[in-house]
Amino acid sequence: MDGTLVNSDAVVERCWRRWAVRHGLDPEEALKVVHGRQGYATMALLLPDRPMEENYADNRAMLAEETATLDGVIPIGGAPEFMAAIAGLPHALVTSADERLATARMGAAGLRMPETRVTAERVGASKPDPEGFLKGAAELGFAPADCVVFEDSEAGIEAGRAAGMRVIGIGPRAGAFAPDALVRDLRQIRVEAAPDGLIRLHLTA
């Protein structure tokens, strides 16, 4: 969702900068690892000696703050058209956001919420663990090798690769982490449902 369908970088960076300063961390260094992970996992990386219970508590507060802060949340280029193109095709939203935050951000961006979704509450491990993608594939009834992941972050790309799926990187952040293919945004992807039942993705310049 974040970075692939919804551009929430402005909100994410504001919230995490404040959190980093409160904990005596360099905000710029913190921002290098926040994207794609659940908050508690990011906190565990940044404060490895802190009890996990404190990370979970801070994560709940962060989710509430992010849900209430939607200024600057906009769709990624081409996201409305992309969502319309896949409306009748099997797809799942796999996000590190919880259900409330996902609903708030998709709504703020004016995007339809997919029927099949795997949010933070439904997994035991954050990306880069592949659990979320594997659960999404299972709910859609597809083998992982037949799925394509759209991701922008290091953690997300690693999770997709670990799930045995092909990964299309979205945006400049993704380019550093060797996805199978890279596009600037969703305007460079055309979806075609072929008569033989296959779904073809055409990537354009």
Protein backbone atom coordinates (compact mmCIF):
# COMPACT_ATOMS: atom_id res chain seq x y z
CA MET A 1 0.00 0.00 0.00
CA ASP A 2 2.40 2.70 1.21
CA GLY A 3 4.77 3.62 -1.58
CA THR A 4 3.02 1.44 -4.15
CA LEU A 5 -0.60 2.64 -4.14
CA VAL A 6 -0.52 5.48 -1.62
CA ASN A 7 2.14 8.14 -1.21
CA SER A 8 2.21 8.62 2.55
CA ASP A 9 5.89 9.54 2.84
CA ALA A 10 5.15 13.02 4.19
CA VAL A 11 3.10 11.64 7.09
CA VAL A 12 5.42 8.70 7.80
CA GLU A 13 8.48 10.90 7.88
CA ARG A 14 6.87 13.54 10.13
CA CYS A 15 5.77 10.93 12.68
CA TRP A 16 9.03 8.99 12.67
CA ARG A 17 11.19 12.10 12.86
CA ARG A 18 9.37 13.10 16.06
CA TRP A 19 9.73 9.58 17.46
CA ALA A 20 13.46 9.47 16.67
CA VAL A 21 14.12 12.83 18.32
CA ARG A 22 12.21 11.77 21.45
CA HIS A 23 14.51 8.74 21.73
CA GLY A 24 17.77 10.55 21.02
CA LEU A 25 18.22 9.07 17.54
CA ASP A 26 19.32 10.66 14.29
CA PRO A 27 16.07 11.12 12.31
CA GLU A 28 17.84 10.71 8.97
CA GLU A 29 19.27 7.37 10.00
CA ALA A 30 15.90 6.25 11.36
CA LEU A 31 14.16 7.06 8.09
CA LYS A 32 16.45 4.66 6.25
CA VAL A 33 14.74 1.65 7.86
CA VAL A 34 11.14 2.68 8.58
CA HIS A 35 9.58 1.94 5.19
CA GLY A 36 7.88 -1.41 4.68
CA ARG A 37 8.13 -2.70 8.24
CA GLN A 38 5.67 -2.72 11.08
CA GLY A 39 6.55 -0.06 13.60
CA TYR A 40 7.61 -2.41 16.38
CA ALA A 41 10.09 -4.11 14.03
CA THR A 42 11.61 -0.76 13.07
CA MET A 43 11.89 0.20 16.73
CA ALA A 44 13.61 -3.10 17.53
CA LEU A 45 16.23 -2.36 14.87
CA LEU A 46 16.82 1.17 16.11
CA LEU A 47 16.72 0.37 19.84
CA PRO A 48 17.96 -3.23 20.04
CA ASP A 49 18.33 -3.23 23.83
CA ARG A 50 14.83 -1.97 24.58
CA PRO A 51 12.21 -4.46 25.85
CA MET A 52 9.88 -5.54 23.06
CA GLU A 53 6.85 -4.68 25.20
CA GLU A 54 7.85 -1.02 24.95
CA ASN A 55 8.13 -1.34 21.18
CA TYR A 56 4.64 -2.82 20.96
CA ALA A 57 3.25 -0.01 23.12
CA ASP A 58 5.00 2.67 21.04
CA ASN A 59 3.79 0.96 17.87
CA ARG A 60 0.17 1.21 19.02
CA ALA A 61 0.65 4.92 19.69
CA MET A 62 2.36 5.40 16.32
CA LEU A 63 -0.48 3.66 14.47
CA ALA A 64 -3.02 5.90 16.19
CA GLU A 65 -1.01 9.02 15.33
CA GLU A 66 -0.60 8.00 11.69
CA THR A 67 -4.29 7.12 11.37
CA ALA A 68 -5.25 10.57 12.63
CA THR A 69 -2.69 12.35 10.41
CA LEU A 70 -3.76 12.15 6.78
CA ASP A 71 -2.59 15.53 5.48
CA GLY A 72 -0.37 14.90 2.48
CA VAL A 73 -1.63 11.37 1.75
CA ILE A 74 -2.16 11.13 -2.02
CA PRO A 75 -2.36 8.33 -4.59
CA ILE A 76 0.77 7.14 -6.34
CA GLY A 77 0.77 8.17 -10.00
CA GLY A 78 -1.53 5.85 -11.94
CA ALA A 79 -2.96 4.15 -8.83
CA PRO A 80 -6.65 4.90 -9.56
CA GLU A 81 -6.35 3.55 -13.09
CA PHE A 82 -4.37 0.52 -11.92
CA MET A 83 -6.94 -0.34 -9.25
CA ALA A 84 -9.71 -0.04 -11.84
CA ALA A 85 -7.80 -2.33 -14.22
CA ILE A 86 -7.42 -5.12 -11.64
CA ALA A 87 -10.89 -4.77 -10.11
CA GLY A 88 -12.15 -7.99 -11.71
CA LEU A 89 -8.85 -9.89 -11.31
CA PRO A 90 -7.51 -11.77 -8.27
CA HIS A 91 -5.43 -9.47 -6.10
CA ALA A 92 -4.67 -8.83 -2.44
CA LEU A 93 -3.43 -5.91 -0.39
CA VAL A 94 -0.56 -7.00 1.88
CA THR A 95 0.45 -4.17 4.15
CA SER A 96 2.34 -3.48 7.37
CA ALA A 97 -0.45 -1.07 8.34
CA ASP A 98 -3.27 -2.28 10.54
CA GLU A 99 -6.84 -2.37 9.23
CA ARG A 100 -7.75 1.10 10.55
CA LEU A 101 -4.67 2.77 9.10
CA ALA A 102 -5.01 0.97 5.77
CA THR A 103 -8.66 1.98 5.49
CA ALA A 104 -7.85 5.60 6.41
CA ARG A 105 -4.99 5.95 3.93
CA MET A 106 -6.74 4.22 1.03
CA GLY A 107 -9.76 6.44 1.68
CA ALA A 108 -7.66 9.61 1.89
CA ALA A 109 -6.10 8.70 -1.46
CA GLY A 110 -9.52 8.00 -2.98
CA LEU A 111 -8.70 4.35 -3.68
CA ARG A 112 -10.87 1.26 -3.43
CA MET A 113 -9.98 -1.13 -0.61
CA PRO A 114 -9.37 -4.64 -1.98
CA GLU A 115 -11.65 -7.36 -0.68
CA THR A 116 -8.71 -9.65 0.08
CA ARG A 117 -6.21 -8.01 2.38
CA VAL A 118 -3.57 -9.05 4.89
CA THR A 119 -3.01 -6.30 7.44
CA ALA A 120 -0.73 -6.13 10.46
CA GLU A 121 -3.21 -7.83 12.77
CA ARG A 122 -3.24 -10.95 10.62
CA VAL A 123 0.46 -11.85 10.68
CA GLY A 124 2.86 -12.90 13.39
CA ALA A 125 5.95 -11.42 11.75
CA SER A 126 6.66 -8.17 9.93
CA LYS A 127 8.22 -7.87 6.50
CA PRO A 128 10.90 -8.84 5.48
CA ASP A 129 9.34 -12.09 6.69
CA PRO A 130 7.29 -13.51 3.77
CA GLU A 131 4.31 -14.53 5.92
CA GLY A 132 2.00 -11.77 4.69
CA PHE A 133 2.60 -12.47 1.01
CA LEU A 134 2.25 -16.22 1.48
CA LYS A 135 -1.02 -15.71 3.34
CA GLY A 136 -2.31 -13.44 0.59
CA ALA A 137 -1.44 -15.99 -2.10
CA ALA A 138 -3.14 -18.77 -0.15
CA GLU A 139 -6.32 -16.74 0.28
CA LEU A 140 -6.39 -16.04 -3.45
CA GLY A 141 -5.80 -19.72 -4.21
CA PHE A 142 -2.55 -19.24 -6.11
CA ALA A 143 0.91 -20.75 -5.77
CA PRO A 144 3.52 -18.18 -4.72
CA ALA A 145 5.42 -18.66 -7.98
CA ASP A 146 2.33 -17.50 -9.89
CA CYS A 147 2.08 -14.23 -7.97
CA VAL A 148 3.62 -10.83 -8.60
CA VAL A 149 4.44 -8.44 -5.78
CA PHE A 150 4.50 -4.65 -6.16
CA GLU A 151 6.84 -3.08 -3.59
CA ASP A 152 8.82 0.07 -2.92
CA SER A 153 10.88 -0.79 0.17
CA GLU A 154 13.84 -3.00 1.00
CA ALA A 155 11.83 -4.98 3.57
CA GLY A 156 8.95 -5.50 1.14
CA ILE A 157 11.17 -6.55 -1.76
CA GLU A 158 13.03 -9.01 0.49
CA ALA A 159 9.70 -10.41 1.71
CA GLY A 160 8.39 -10.89 -1.82
CA ARG A 161 11.58 -12.59 -2.90
CA ALA A 162 11.56 -14.84 0.18
CA ALA A 163 7.97 -15.82 -0.66
CA GLY A 164 9.15 -17.07 -4.06
CA MET A 165 7.30 -14.36 -5.98
CA ARG A 166 8.42 -12.03 -8.74
CA VAL A 167 8.80 -8.44 -7.56
CA ILE A 168 8.12 -5.25 -9.47
CA GLY A 169 9.70 -2.27 -7.76
CA ILE A 170 7.69 0.95 -7.66
CA GLY A 171 9.53 4.27 -7.48
CA PRO A 172 13.13 5.34 -6.94
CA ARG A 173 13.46 3.84 -3.46
CA ALA A 174 12.94 0.35 -4.87
CA GLY A 175 15.73 0.65 -7.42
CA ALA A 176 18.45 0.13 -4.82
CA PHE A 177 17.17 -3.32 -3.85
CA ALA A 178 17.26 -5.26 -7.13
CA PRO A 179 13.60 -6.01 -7.88
CA ASP A 180 12.92 -8.17 -10.94
CA ALA A 181 11.65 -5.08 -12.76
CA LEU A 182 11.43 -1.39 -11.88
CA VAL A 183 8.95 1.32 -12.87
CA ARG A 184 8.71 4.98 -11.93
CA ASP A 185 5.07 4.62 -10.86
CA LEU A 186 1.91 2.74 -11.82
CA ARG A 187 1.43 4.79 -14.98
CA GLN A 188 4.14 2.57 -16.49
CA ILE A 189 2.11 -0.63 -15.98
CA ARG A 190 -0.66 -1.80 -18.28
CA VAL A 191 -2.78 -4.77 -17.22
CA GLU A 192 -4.19 -7.16 -19.81
CA ALA A 193 -6.44 -10.15 -19.09
CA ALA A 194 -5.72 -12.49 -22.02
CA PRO A 195 -8.28 -14.89 -23.55
CA ASP A 196 -6.21 -17.88 -22.36
CA GLY A 197 -6.81 -16.87 -18.75
CA LEU A 198 -3.38 -15.40 -18.18
CA ILE A 199 -2.92 -11.92 -16.78
CA ARG A 200 -0.20 -9.99 -18.58
CA LEU A 201 1.59 -6.95 -17.23
CA HIS A 202 3.12 -4.65 -19.81
CA LEU A 203 5.79 -2.30 -18.50
CA THR A 204 6.27 0.85 -20.54
CA ALA A 205 8.95 3.53 -20.63
